[in-house]
Protein backbone atom coordinates (compact mmCIF):
# COMPACT_ATOMS: atom_id res chain seq x y z
CA MET A 1 -0.12 -0.35 -0.11
CA GLY A 2 0.86 3.64 -0.68
CA THR A 3 1.45 5.84 2.16
CA LEU A 4 -1.63 7.77 3.39
CA GLN A 5 -1.80 10.78 4.80
CA ARG A 6 -2.71 10.95 8.52
CA LYS A 7 -5.16 13.30 9.88
CA ASN A 8 -4.84 15.35 12.69
CA LYS A 9 -5.75 13.52 16.16
CA GLY A 10 -5.69 14.14 19.72
CA LYS A 11 -3.70 11.90 22.78
CA GLY A 12 -4.40 8.29 21.87
CA GLY A 13 -5.14 8.36 18.51
CA ALA A 14 -8.47 10.03 19.23
CA PRO A 15 -10.02 13.04 16.69
CA GLU A 16 -9.03 16.33 18.66
CA CYS A 17 -11.97 18.47 19.57
CA PRO A 18 -12.53 21.85 19.09
CA PRO A 19 -11.54 24.04 22.92
CA ARG A 20 -14.87 24.50 24.69
CA ILE A 21 -16.36 27.61 24.46
CA GLY A 22 -18.64 29.19 26.95
CA MET A 23 -21.27 32.05 26.75
CA SER A 24 -18.51 34.81 28.60
CA HIS A 25 -16.64 34.50 25.13
CA TYR A 26 -18.87 36.27 23.47
CA LYS A 27 -19.55 39.17 26.25
CA GLY A 28 -18.69 42.56 24.80
CA ARG A 29 -18.30 41.04 20.95
CA VAL A 30 -22.03 41.01 20.19
CA ASN A 31 -23.48 44.31 18.28
CA GLY A 32 -26.55 45.42 18.70
CA ASP A 33 -28.82 47.80 21.64
CA GLY A 34 -30.00 44.61 23.53
CA PRO A 35 -30.46 41.08 23.92
CA GLU A 36 -33.25 40.59 21.35
CA SER A 37 -30.94 42.01 18.54
CA PRO A 38 -30.13 39.70 15.72
CA SER A 39 -26.66 39.78 16.17
CA HIS A 40 -27.20 38.46 19.89
CA ILE A 41 -29.60 36.13 18.95
CA PHE A 42 -27.06 34.79 16.38
CA ALA A 43 -24.22 34.64 18.61
CA VAL A 44 -26.04 32.46 21.45
CA VAL A 45 -27.61 30.03 18.55
CA THR A 46 -23.95 29.65 17.35
CA VAL A 47 -22.64 28.98 20.95
CA LEU A 48 -25.12 26.56 21.34
CA LEU A 49 -24.91 24.55 18.24
CA LEU A 50 -21.00 24.33 19.29
CA LEU A 51 -22.07 23.19 22.95
CA LEU A 52 -24.03 20.43 21.07
CA THR A 53 -21.35 18.96 19.04
CA LEU A 54 -18.89 18.33 22.19
CA PRO A 55 -20.42 15.17 23.54
CA ALA A 56 -19.86 13.54 19.85
CA CYS A 57 -16.12 14.26 20.54
CA TYR A 58 -13.85 11.92 22.87
CA HIS A 59 -12.35 13.22 25.74
CA GLY A 60 -10.78 9.62 26.99
CA SER A 61 -13.72 9.04 29.33
CA ARG A 62 -14.20 4.88 30.64
CA PRO A 63 -15.42 3.09 27.50
CA PRO A 64 -18.42 1.45 27.88
CA ARG A 65 -18.64 -2.40 28.71
CA ILE A 66 -15.12 -2.26 28.86
CA GLY A 67 -14.52 -5.41 31.47
CA SER A 68 -17.63 -7.25 30.67
CA ALA A 69 -18.44 -9.96 28.37
CA ALA A 70 -18.38 -8.71 24.58
CA PRO A 71 -21.79 -8.58 22.97
CA ASP A 72 -21.99 -11.50 20.60
CA PHE A 73 -22.80 -11.09 16.84
CA THR A 74 -23.01 -13.19 13.52
CA VAL A 75 -22.46 -10.91 9.93
CA GLN A 76 -22.30 -13.25 6.82
CA ASP A 77 -21.99 -11.49 3.55
CA SER A 78 -21.57 -12.67 0.04
CA GLN A 79 -17.67 -13.90 0.71
CA ASN A 80 -17.35 -14.76 4.57
CA SER A 81 -19.41 -15.37 7.86
CA ALA A 82 -18.13 -15.01 11.19
CA THR A 83 -19.76 -14.83 14.84
CA LEU A 84 -18.31 -13.40 17.39
CA SER A 85 -18.63 -16.34 20.17
CA GLN A 86 -16.64 -18.84 17.47
CA PHE A 87 -13.57 -16.87 18.65
CA ARG A 88 -13.57 -17.95 22.24
CA GLY A 89 -10.01 -19.16 23.27
CA GLN A 90 -8.00 -16.36 21.34
CA VAL A 91 -7.59 -13.43 22.17
CA LEU A 92 -9.55 -11.55 19.42
CA VAL A 93 -8.76 -7.85 18.18
CA LEU A 94 -12.17 -6.82 16.48
CA ASN A 95 -11.75 -3.78 14.20
CA PHE A 96 -14.94 -1.82 12.90
CA TRP A 97 -13.90 -0.12 9.62
CA ALA A 98 -14.72 1.67 6.22
CA THR A 99 -13.19 1.89 2.98
CA TRP A 100 -13.85 5.40 2.78
CA CYS A 101 -12.51 6.38 6.18
CA ALA A 102 -8.78 7.27 5.54
CA PRO A 103 -7.84 6.53 9.30
CA CYS A 104 -9.01 3.16 8.62
CA VAL A 105 -7.27 2.55 5.55
CA GLU A 106 -4.12 4.14 7.32
CA GLU A 107 -4.40 1.60 9.94
CA ILE A 108 -5.61 -1.61 8.08
CA PRO A 109 -1.35 -2.62 6.90
CA SER A 110 -0.41 -2.71 10.66
CA LEU A 111 -3.06 -4.66 11.89
CA VAL A 112 -2.10 -7.18 8.92
CA GLU A 113 1.43 -7.10 9.95
CA MET A 114 0.60 -7.54 14.15
CA GLN A 115 -1.42 -10.60 13.11
CA ARG A 116 1.18 -12.20 11.17
CA ARG A 117 3.46 -11.61 13.89
CA MET A 118 1.14 -12.48 16.65
CA LYS A 119 -1.21 -15.41 15.04
CA ALA A 120 1.23 -18.10 16.76
CA LYS A 121 0.17 -16.67 19.99
CA GLY A 122 -3.31 -17.14 19.45
CA VAL A 123 -4.22 -13.70 18.36
CA THR A 124 -6.84 -12.64 15.59
CA VAL A 125 -8.22 -9.90 14.16
CA LEU A 126 -12.36 -9.63 13.08
CA ALA A 127 -12.37 -6.44 10.88
CA VAL A 128 -15.89 -5.89 10.45
CA SER A 129 -16.63 -3.52 7.56
CA VAL A 130 -19.67 -0.75 7.39
CA ASP A 131 -19.51 -0.32 3.69
CA VAL A 132 -22.88 -0.07 1.64
CA ASP A 133 -21.22 -0.29 -1.50
CA GLU A 134 -20.05 -3.95 -1.77
CA ASN A 135 -18.28 -3.35 -5.05
CA ALA A 136 -16.18 -0.62 -3.53
CA TYR A 137 -15.86 -3.15 -0.58
CA LYS A 138 -14.45 -6.15 -2.55
CA GLN A 139 -12.48 -3.97 -4.89
CA PHE A 140 -10.24 -2.65 -1.79
CA VAL A 141 -9.67 -5.70 -0.24
CA LYS A 142 -8.51 -7.55 -3.70
CA ASP A 143 -6.30 -4.35 -4.44
CA HIS A 144 -4.47 -3.98 -0.88
CA ASN A 145 -4.25 -8.01 -0.33
CA VAL A 146 -6.16 -7.21 3.14
CA SER A 147 -5.29 -10.83 4.52
CA LEU A 148 -7.58 -10.96 7.35
CA LEU A 149 -11.24 -12.11 8.01
CA THR A 150 -13.11 -9.44 7.20
CA VAL A 151 -16.86 -9.38 6.48
CA ARG A 152 -19.38 -6.52 5.49
CA ASP A 153 -22.32 -5.45 7.55
CA PRO A 154 -23.71 -2.71 5.79
CA SER A 155 -26.93 -3.07 8.11
CA GLY A 156 -24.54 -0.92 10.75
CA LYS A 157 -25.93 -4.04 13.39
CA SER A 158 -23.05 -5.15 15.10
CA ASN A 159 -21.09 -2.02 15.71
CA GLY A 160 -24.76 -0.55 16.90
CA LEU A 161 -23.81 -3.09 19.62
CA TYR A 162 -21.05 -1.84 20.77
CA GLY A 163 -22.28 1.96 20.37
CA THR A 164 -19.60 2.51 17.60
CA PHE A 165 -20.55 5.17 15.06
CA LYS A 166 -17.39 6.87 14.15
CA PHE A 167 -14.42 4.86 12.48
CA PRO A 168 -12.06 3.20 12.72
CA GLU A 169 -12.94 1.91 16.75
CA THR A 170 -11.63 -1.70 18.02
CA TYR A 171 -12.07 -3.37 20.84
CA VAL A 172 -9.65 -6.28 22.60
CA ILE A 173 -11.55 -9.17 23.53
CA ASP A 174 -9.39 -11.82 25.76
CA ARG A 175 -9.97 -15.70 25.58
CA ASN A 176 -13.15 -16.03 27.72
CA GLY A 177 -15.01 -13.23 25.65
CA VAL A 178 -14.36 -10.37 28.31
CA MET A 179 -13.60 -6.87 26.35
CA ARG A 180 -10.59 -5.66 27.69
CA ARG A 181 -9.61 -2.36 25.94
CA LYS A 182 -11.17 0.02 23.19
CA PHE A 183 -9.37 2.13 20.76
CA ILE A 184 -10.54 5.09 19.33
CA GLY A 185 -9.07 6.09 15.93
CA ALA A 186 -6.28 4.43 13.84
CA VAL A 187 -3.41 2.78 15.77
CA ASP A 188 0.16 1.30 14.85
CA TRP A 189 -0.46 -2.32 15.88
CA THR A 190 3.09 -3.04 15.82
CA GLY A 191 3.80 -0.96 18.89
CA PRO A 192 5.68 -2.53 21.60
CA GLU A 193 2.82 -1.40 24.13
CA ILE A 194 0.30 -3.28 22.26
CA THR A 195 2.07 -6.28 21.34
CA GLU A 196 3.24 -6.69 24.85
CA PHE A 197 -0.28 -6.40 26.33
CA LEU A 198 -1.76 -8.39 23.60
CA GLY A 199 1.12 -10.98 24.57
CA LYS A 200 0.01 -11.08 28.36
CA LEU A 201 -3.67 -12.18 27.74
């Protein structure tokens, strides 16, 4: 694969969020004669819209379900089928991705390489694509020689079980089916900290 441009990310690989903006930011900056002036109303609406977008950004809070059983699911497309529970006894790296997601595409080579290195230790990658376009998905897997078990779930039901609607997101599930870590954004899966963590599970 060719070198792909990285997007700016915050700590831990998550997308950076805009700074929090409070109403005091606009004090003395709004022109008009009173609180009902058009410029004042526009400023208030702008601030409220910015505040509404902040919960969608990640601030390093404890991910849901970590330490509990991973929700089971079955995905079958025209080429492959996978059920989460079939991986009991292995360390499973469950990756939700899409071909139209640049950070996902950037991450795939390191997932492939990590599985090559760690397969003998019982580490397996299951890559679930949310692509709606089947032809684009198949062409990508072929062109980029994605040698992982990957299935396409255009319904989004599997990632919905995990509350995942931004991509990529990856869950590490231990040999007993318990979720141990969640990674938000593209990750270098060949890094020593991650491979050491996977090797101890």
